[in-house]
Amino acid sequence: MRSWEAALRPWRKPYGKYATVPPYSWHASSLLYRNSQFGLVSLNSSWRKPYGKHATVPIQLARQFSTLPDFQIQFGAEMKPVRLSTFPLNKPFNLLDPINPFSEVVLRLVVGLFTDSPSVIGTASILCGNLLVTAKHVIDDLIRSKSSQQSDSQKVTINHDLVAIQILPGPEYYIWHIIEATADPLTDLLLLHLGNPPSGSNYGTEIKWKQFRVNPFPPTIGERIAAIGYRKSTVKVSKKLDGSNHIDINDEAIISVGEVMEIFEWKRDNVMLPFPCYQVNARFDGGMSGGPVFDETGCLCGVICSNISDSHLTGKPVSYVSTLWPLFRLIISAGRGDKYPRGVPYPVIELTRGKQIAVPEAQRLEDWFSKHIVRS
């Protein structure tokens, strides 16, 4: 059985301007950038009607994410999830309305937003508070001098201005700057830490973070999953009368449904997918990488990783999802509030122990770590 390092190369930065990882809801007055100077998003998609008399998959899933206090009220101390009705396979690949129940928690990653040539590079979702989870390969082209990155290093230096765009009810558009990236050197998982806004932001705005319950392990073979991501993204920049940029982002929000076909507990191979993952027959298109994958209980159970290109044209799609449990051994130093020491590195599993991340099977995760993770 393969052992995994629980703590590879710890790293830290000064606490100072950095946000905390909240246990429930929190004030983001110093982190929130309200998009008042841009007519930012112009999206071209259409909402699909419900499957017969039943609720759509998006509505089924949206009912399952909320703030952490709501989780604890709904599910009790163990937060045991309730299985949803099975995701329908007769409509496995569907467009969502651009402003849908997931726009608040599934974000677009954009490079060079404040330049004349911005681009959307992938999808990320809220893990908790000011932490996003995505696929590591979506930032491959942004990493400063890959050759200089230590093979066992978790800290990643991004050589570009990377932001995440969040759409809240209203709609309200928020632009979050990525100030830290923590990459898993052995898998395709990446944590992004949201940081302070530029001047001119709307200070004093309160945001109560919504997030997913998390299943660190893959569903069983034959169970259905639903994945969400943004594809066919284009960005157009035009000048306003005052000389500032007007930015239009056009893309398609997609939900893809499939079944788990095979589980690779430790790795699929030694080259392409040498890490815990599982195969599904859901279609994943370019741009969806890093998007969330949900099991039949509505828990976040993986991150969109890769696919065999155009496999859906000759048969059922062949795609792969990164399993989440390795994420919990990564070392971060994001603040967790006044009850915790500032600037002290800790493994992500501490966010489960501190109730910042809602893991219904927290004891299973603890047992897994006790059995398989080598602690340094």
Protein backbone atom coordinates (compact mmCIF):
# COMPACT_ATOMS: atom_id res chain seq x y z
CA MET A 1 0.00 0.00 0.00
CA ARG A 2 1.35 3.39 -0.94
CA SER A 3 2.06 5.96 1.78
CA TRP A 4 1.47 9.67 1.33
CA GLU A 5 3.21 12.53 3.06
CA ALA A 6 0.88 14.44 5.36
CA ALA A 7 3.14 17.45 5.48
CA LEU A 8 5.51 17.96 2.58
CA ARG A 9 7.27 21.34 2.60
CA PRO A 10 5.47 23.69 4.99
CA TRP A 11 5.34 27.30 3.89
CA ARG A 12 3.96 30.51 5.24
CA LYS A 13 3.53 34.15 4.46
CA PRO A 14 2.80 37.04 6.81
CA TYR A 15 -0.78 37.06 8.02
CA GLY A 16 -1.30 40.82 7.58
CA LYS A 17 -3.79 41.44 4.79
CA TYR A 18 -4.83 37.83 4.43
CA ALA A 19 -8.38 36.75 5.06
CA THR A 20 -9.43 34.13 7.54
CA VAL A 21 -11.07 30.81 6.81
CA PRO A 22 -14.40 31.25 8.59
CA PRO A 23 -16.12 28.55 10.63
CA TYR A 24 -19.60 29.69 9.62
CA SER A 25 -20.36 33.01 7.99
CA TRP A 26 -18.12 36.02 7.97
CA HIS A 27 -17.65 39.59 6.88
CA ALA A 28 -15.69 40.10 3.69
CA SER A 29 -15.58 43.86 3.93
CA SER A 30 -11.89 44.00 3.07
CA LEU A 31 -12.01 41.28 0.44
CA LEU A 32 -14.98 42.16 -1.69
CA TYR A 33 -14.63 43.96 -5.00
CA ARG A 34 -17.94 45.13 -6.33
CA ASN A 35 -17.88 45.48 -10.08
CA SER A 36 -19.14 49.05 -10.33
CA GLN A 37 -16.82 50.28 -13.05
CA PHE A 38 -17.36 47.44 -15.50
CA GLY A 39 -20.39 46.14 -17.32
CA LEU A 40 -18.69 42.86 -16.67
CA VAL A 41 -20.65 39.82 -17.71
CA SER A 42 -22.66 39.28 -20.85
CA LEU A 43 -23.41 35.57 -21.08
CA ASN A 44 -25.10 33.70 -23.90
CA SER A 45 -26.87 30.64 -22.62
CA SER A 46 -30.42 29.46 -21.96
CA TRP A 47 -32.03 27.69 -19.04
CA ARG A 48 -33.29 24.17 -19.75
CA LYS A 49 -36.76 23.16 -18.59
CA PRO A 50 -37.18 20.63 -15.76
CA TYR A 51 -37.08 16.90 -16.50
CA GLY A 52 -40.82 16.27 -16.76
CA LYS A 53 -42.54 17.06 -13.49
CA HIS A 54 -39.34 16.60 -11.51
CA ALA A 55 -36.88 19.26 -10.45
CA THR A 56 -33.85 19.87 -12.61
CA VAL A 57 -30.50 18.49 -11.56
CA PRO A 58 -29.27 22.02 -10.77
CA ILE A 59 -32.20 22.65 -8.45
CA GLN A 60 -31.72 19.26 -6.76
CA LEU A 61 -28.09 20.04 -6.09
CA ALA A 62 -28.61 23.70 -5.18
CA ARG A 63 -30.84 22.62 -2.33
CA GLN A 64 -27.87 20.79 -0.82
CA PHE A 65 -25.45 23.66 -0.38
CA SER A 66 -25.81 26.43 2.14
CA THR A 67 -23.95 28.06 5.01
CA LEU A 68 -22.41 25.77 7.62
CA PRO A 69 -24.93 26.64 10.37
CA ASP A 70 -27.66 25.54 7.98
CA PHE A 71 -25.84 22.23 7.43
CA GLN A 72 -25.70 21.58 11.14
CA ILE A 73 -29.36 22.47 11.66
CA GLN A 74 -30.43 20.31 8.72
CA PHE A 75 -28.27 17.26 9.33
CA GLY A 76 -27.46 17.41 13.02
CA ALA A 77 -24.07 16.83 14.56
CA GLU A 78 -23.08 14.17 12.03
CA MET A 79 -24.45 16.18 9.10
CA LYS A 80 -25.48 12.92 7.45
CA PRO A 81 -26.55 13.65 3.86
CA VAL A 82 -29.77 12.45 2.29
CA ARG A 83 -29.56 10.75 -1.09
CA LEU A 84 -31.13 12.77 -3.88
CA SER A 85 -33.32 11.28 -6.57
CA THR A 86 -31.05 9.73 -9.21
CA PHE A 87 -29.61 12.15 -11.75
CA PRO A 88 -31.32 11.42 -15.11
CA LEU A 89 -29.10 9.98 -17.84
CA ASN A 90 -31.44 10.83 -20.72
CA LYS A 91 -30.13 14.41 -20.69
CA PRO A 92 -26.48 13.93 -19.80
CA PHE A 93 -25.03 17.21 -21.12
CA ASN A 94 -27.06 20.38 -20.67
CA LEU A 95 -26.72 24.14 -20.75
CA LEU A 96 -27.48 26.11 -17.61
CA ASP A 97 -28.67 29.65 -17.38
CA PRO A 98 -25.56 31.87 -17.05
CA ILE A 99 -26.87 33.15 -13.73
CA ASN A 100 -27.92 29.92 -12.05
CA PRO A 101 -27.95 28.48 -8.52
CA PHE A 102 -24.26 27.58 -8.88
CA SER A 103 -22.93 30.96 -10.02
CA GLU A 104 -22.38 31.85 -6.36
CA VAL A 105 -20.20 28.84 -5.58
CA VAL A 106 -18.76 27.76 -8.96
CA LEU A 107 -16.49 30.54 -10.19
CA ARG A 108 -14.74 31.43 -13.45
CA LEU A 109 -10.94 31.79 -13.34
CA VAL A 110 -9.74 34.68 -15.48
CA VAL A 111 -6.20 35.79 -16.34
CA GLY A 112 -5.38 39.40 -17.21
CA LEU A 113 -8.83 40.76 -16.47
CA PHE A 114 -7.53 44.33 -16.19
CA THR A 115 -5.51 44.13 -19.41
CA ASP A 116 -6.58 44.38 -23.04
CA SER A 117 -6.36 40.61 -23.52
CA PRO A 118 -8.06 38.73 -20.66
CA SER A 119 -8.90 35.03 -20.95
CA VAL A 120 -10.93 32.46 -19.00
CA ILE A 121 -8.73 29.47 -18.15
CA GLY A 122 -10.98 27.20 -16.12
CA THR A 123 -13.47 26.62 -13.34
CA ALA A 124 -13.09 26.61 -9.54
CA SER A 125 -15.48 26.07 -6.65
CA ILE A 126 -15.65 27.26 -3.06
CA LEU A 127 -14.22 24.75 -0.62
CA CYS A 128 -14.80 27.02 2.37
CA GLY A 129 -14.76 30.74 2.91
CA ASN A 130 -11.94 32.29 0.97
CA LEU A 131 -10.49 28.99 -0.29
CA LEU A 132 -11.23 27.67 -3.78
CA VAL A 133 -10.42 24.22 -5.12
CA THR A 134 -9.63 23.58 -8.78
CA ALA A 135 -7.44 21.43 -11.03
CA LYS A 136 -3.72 22.15 -10.88
CA HIS A 137 -3.26 21.84 -14.63
CA VAL A 138 -5.45 24.88 -15.35
CA ILE A 139 -2.62 27.15 -14.18
CA ASP A 140 0.24 25.25 -15.87
CA ASP A 141 0.90 28.13 -18.25
CA LEU A 142 0.86 30.66 -15.40
CA ILE A 143 3.48 29.11 -13.16
CA ARG A 144 6.65 31.13 -12.97
CA SER A 145 9.63 29.01 -14.06
CA LYS A 146 8.37 25.47 -13.60
CA SER A 147 11.96 24.23 -13.53
CA SER A 148 12.57 26.29 -10.40
CA GLN A 149 9.61 24.76 -8.56
CA GLN A 150 10.70 22.09 -6.08
CA SER A 151 9.16 18.71 -6.93
CA ASP A 152 7.85 18.38 -3.38
CA SER A 153 6.88 22.02 -2.94
CA GLN A 154 3.27 22.97 -2.33
CA LYS A 155 3.65 26.70 -2.85
CA VAL A 156 3.14 27.82 -6.45
CA THR A 157 4.17 31.23 -7.76
CA ILE A 158 1.82 32.55 -10.43
CA ASN A 159 3.37 34.91 -12.95
CA HIS A 160 0.09 36.56 -13.97
CA ASP A 161 -2.82 38.45 -12.45
CA LEU A 162 -5.33 35.68 -11.73
CA VAL A 163 -8.84 36.44 -10.48
CA ALA A 164 -12.01 34.49 -9.76
CA ILE A 165 -15.38 35.92 -10.78
CA GLN A 166 -18.35 35.25 -8.53
CA ILE A 167 -21.98 36.02 -9.38
CA LEU A 168 -24.38 36.39 -6.46
CA PRO A 169 -28.15 36.95 -6.49
CA GLY A 170 -29.15 40.36 -7.75
CA PRO A 171 -27.05 39.77 -9.75
CA GLU A 172 -23.97 41.07 -7.95
CA TYR A 173 -20.58 40.57 -9.56
CA TYR A 174 -17.47 40.18 -7.41
CA ILE A 175 -13.87 39.97 -8.58
CA TRP A 176 -11.56 38.11 -6.19
CA HIS A 177 -7.80 38.32 -6.57
CA ILE A 178 -5.83 35.13 -6.06
CA ILE A 179 -3.00 35.88 -3.64
CA GLU A 180 -1.78 32.36 -2.89
CA ALA A 181 -1.84 29.01 -4.65
CA THR A 182 -1.16 25.73 -2.86
CA ALA A 183 -0.62 22.83 -5.26
CA ASP A 184 -0.51 19.13 -4.53
CA PRO A 185 2.80 17.98 -6.05
CA LEU A 186 1.50 14.42 -6.46
CA THR A 187 -2.04 15.00 -7.79
CA ASP A 188 -4.00 17.42 -9.98
CA LEU A 189 -5.49 19.34 -7.04
CA LEU A 190 -4.93 23.03 -6.32
CA LEU A 191 -6.10 25.40 -3.58
CA LEU A 192 -6.51 29.11 -4.35
CA HIS A 193 -6.59 31.69 -1.56
CA LEU A 194 -8.68 34.79 -2.20
CA GLY A 195 -7.21 38.08 -1.06
CA ASN A 196 -7.61 41.81 -0.75
CA PRO A 197 -9.37 43.89 -3.45
CA PRO A 198 -7.94 46.83 -5.39
CA SER A 199 -8.80 50.36 -4.34
CA GLY A 200 -12.36 51.48 -5.06
CA SER A 201 -13.94 48.30 -3.76
CA ASN A 202 -17.24 48.36 -1.96
CA TYR A 203 -16.11 48.13 1.65
CA GLY A 204 -18.53 47.18 4.40
CA THR A 205 -20.44 44.58 2.40
CA GLU A 206 -21.31 41.41 4.26
CA ILE A 207 -21.22 38.05 2.54
CA LYS A 208 -22.38 34.79 4.04
CA TRP A 209 -20.43 32.13 2.21
CA LYS A 210 -22.30 29.19 0.83
CA GLN A 211 -20.35 26.03 0.23
CA PHE A 212 -20.71 22.33 -0.44
CA ARG A 213 -20.63 19.41 1.89
CA VAL A 214 -17.56 17.38 0.95
CA ASN A 215 -17.10 13.66 0.38
CA PRO A 216 -13.33 13.05 0.31
CA PHE A 217 -13.82 9.62 -1.30
CA PRO A 218 -15.18 8.51 -4.69
CA PRO A 219 -18.74 7.23 -5.07
CA THR A 220 -19.14 3.51 -5.65
CA ILE A 221 -19.02 2.00 -9.13
CA GLY A 222 -22.37 2.45 -10.87
CA GLU A 223 -23.41 5.51 -8.87
CA ARG A 224 -24.25 8.63 -10.80
CA ILE A 225 -22.41 11.93 -10.62
CA ALA A 226 -23.11 15.45 -11.87
CA ALA A 227 -20.32 17.84 -12.86
CA ILE A 228 -20.43 21.58 -13.56
CA GLY A 229 -18.07 23.80 -15.53
CA TYR A 230 -17.79 26.62 -18.06
CA ARG A 231 -16.83 26.00 -21.68
CA LYS A 232 -16.46 27.96 -24.93
CA SER A 233 -15.39 31.04 -23.01
CA THR A 234 -14.57 34.23 -24.90
CA VAL A 235 -13.65 37.63 -23.51
CA LYS A 236 -14.08 40.93 -25.36
CA VAL A 237 -12.64 44.22 -24.19
CA SER A 238 -13.91 47.62 -25.32
CA LYS A 239 -13.23 51.15 -24.09
CA LYS A 240 -15.76 53.22 -22.15
CA LEU A 241 -16.04 56.98 -22.56
CA ASP A 242 -13.86 57.55 -19.51
CA GLY A 243 -11.12 55.39 -21.00
CA SER A 244 -11.62 52.41 -18.70
CA ASN A 245 -12.25 48.92 -19.99
CA HIS A 246 -15.67 47.37 -20.52
CA ILE A 247 -15.37 43.58 -20.35
CA ASP A 248 -17.85 41.07 -21.77
CA ILE A 249 -17.40 37.42 -20.80
CA ASN A 250 -19.39 34.96 -22.88
CA ASP A 251 -19.44 31.24 -22.12
CA GLU A 252 -21.67 28.23 -21.60
CA ALA A 253 -22.40 26.93 -18.12
CA ILE A 254 -22.69 23.14 -18.45
CA ILE A 255 -23.95 20.37 -16.19
CA SER A 256 -22.84 16.88 -17.20
CA VAL A 257 -24.27 13.66 -15.76
CA GLY A 258 -22.73 10.20 -15.88
CA GLU A 259 -21.86 7.08 -13.90
CA VAL A 260 -18.74 5.94 -12.07
CA MET A 261 -17.11 3.26 -14.21
CA GLU A 262 -13.84 2.45 -12.41
CA ILE A 263 -12.04 3.62 -9.26
CA PHE A 264 -8.26 3.96 -9.01
CA GLU A 265 -7.58 4.07 -5.29
CA TRP A 266 -3.96 5.19 -5.62
CA LYS A 267 -3.27 5.77 -9.32
CA ARG A 268 -4.43 4.83 -12.81
CA ASP A 269 -0.92 4.73 -14.28
CA ASN A 270 2.57 6.09 -13.69
CA VAL A 271 2.49 8.90 -16.24
CA MET A 272 -0.86 10.51 -17.09
CA LEU A 273 -2.87 9.93 -13.92
CA PRO A 274 -0.46 8.78 -11.18
CA PHE A 275 -2.79 9.76 -8.34
CA PRO A 276 -6.14 8.80 -6.76
CA CYS A 277 -8.92 9.30 -9.30
CA TYR A 278 -11.89 7.59 -10.90
CA GLN A 279 -13.32 7.15 -14.38
CA VAL A 280 -16.81 8.33 -15.30
CA ASN A 281 -18.81 8.31 -18.52
CA ALA A 282 -19.77 11.98 -18.21
CA ARG A 283 -18.65 14.38 -20.91
CA PHE A 284 -16.09 17.00 -19.88
CA ASP A 285 -15.22 19.71 -22.42
CA GLY A 286 -12.31 22.15 -22.45
CA GLY A 287 -12.77 24.95 -19.91
CA MET A 288 -14.67 22.70 -17.49
CA SER A 289 -11.40 21.56 -15.90
CA GLY A 290 -11.34 22.26 -12.18
CA GLY A 291 -15.12 22.26 -11.89
CA PRO A 292 -16.94 20.45 -9.06
CA VAL A 293 -18.25 16.89 -9.28
CA PHE A 294 -21.16 15.85 -7.05
CA ASP A 295 -22.35 12.46 -5.84
CA GLU A 296 -25.99 11.41 -5.46
CA THR A 297 -26.19 12.99 -1.99
CA GLY A 298 -25.16 16.39 -3.36
CA CYS A 299 -21.70 16.25 -1.75
CA LEU A 300 -18.68 17.58 -3.59
CA CYS A 301 -16.82 14.34 -4.35
CA GLY A 302 -14.17 15.37 -6.86
CA VAL A 303 -12.72 17.85 -9.31
CA ILE A 304 -12.94 17.59 -13.10
CA CYS A 305 -9.52 16.40 -14.24
CA SER A 306 -9.32 15.13 -17.83
CA ASN A 307 -10.97 13.18 -20.62
CA ILE A 308 -10.23 11.24 -23.76
CA SER A 309 -10.83 13.87 -26.40
CA ASP A 310 -14.00 13.45 -28.49
CA SER A 311 -14.72 10.03 -26.96
CA HIS A 312 -18.39 11.03 -26.80
CA LEU A 313 -18.50 11.10 -30.62
CA THR A 314 -17.89 7.35 -30.98
CA GLY A 315 -19.52 6.03 -27.81
CA LYS A 316 -19.85 6.88 -24.16
CA PRO A 317 -17.50 9.58 -22.91
CA VAL A 318 -14.36 8.57 -21.06
CA SER A 319 -13.46 11.13 -18.39
CA TYR A 320 -11.55 11.28 -15.12
CA VAL A 321 -12.19 12.91 -11.75
CA SER A 322 -9.59 13.69 -9.08
CA THR A 323 -10.43 12.17 -5.70
CA LEU A 324 -10.42 14.74 -2.90
CA TRP A 325 -8.88 13.04 0.13
CA PRO A 326 -5.26 14.00 -0.82
CA LEU A 327 -6.35 17.64 -0.54
CA PHE A 328 -6.70 17.31 3.23
CA ARG A 329 -2.98 16.65 3.74
CA LEU A 330 -1.87 19.89 2.04
CA ILE A 331 -0.26 22.53 4.23
CA ILE A 332 -1.73 26.04 4.26
CA SER A 333 -1.47 29.01 6.61
CA ALA A 334 -4.75 30.83 5.97
CA GLY A 335 -6.09 32.46 9.13
CA ARG A 336 -8.94 30.68 10.87
CA GLY A 337 -10.12 33.43 13.20
CA ASP A 338 -9.22 34.77 16.63
CA LYS A 339 -9.30 31.33 18.27
CA TYR A 340 -6.34 30.13 16.21
CA PRO A 341 -2.71 31.32 16.01
CA ARG A 342 -1.99 33.46 12.96
CA GLY A 343 0.48 32.56 10.26
CA VAL A 344 1.00 29.02 11.57
CA PRO A 345 0.97 26.32 8.85
CA TYR A 346 -1.46 23.43 9.29
CA PRO A 347 -2.89 20.57 7.17
CA VAL A 348 -6.25 21.17 5.52
CA ILE A 349 -7.80 18.36 7.57
CA GLU A 350 -7.73 20.82 10.48
CA LEU A 351 -10.48 22.76 8.70
CA THR A 352 -12.65 19.67 8.99
CA ARG A 353 -11.82 19.28 12.65
CA GLY A 354 -12.62 22.96 13.19
CA LYS A 355 -15.93 22.65 11.30
CA GLN A 356 -14.89 25.11 8.57
CA ILE A 357 -15.34 22.35 5.98
CA ALA A 358 -18.47 20.24 6.23
CA VAL A 359 -17.48 16.55 5.85
CA PRO A 360 -20.38 14.21 6.69
CA GLU A 361 -18.02 11.23 6.99
CA ALA A 362 -15.37 13.03 9.01
CA GLN A 363 -14.55 9.96 11.08
CA ARG A 364 -13.93 7.92 7.94
CA LEU A 365 -11.47 10.58 6.81
CA GLU A 366 -9.74 10.50 10.20
CA ASP A 367 -9.50 6.71 10.07
CA TRP A 368 -8.07 6.89 6.55
CA PHE A 369 -5.41 9.35 7.64
CA SER A 370 -4.50 7.26 10.66
CA LYS A 371 -4.03 4.20 8.46
CA HIS A 372 -2.41 5.61 5.32
CA ILE A 373 -0.89 9.04 5.85
CA VAL A 374 2.72 9.33 6.99
CA ARG A 375 3.05 12.25 9.38
CA SER A 376 6.29 14.21 9.52
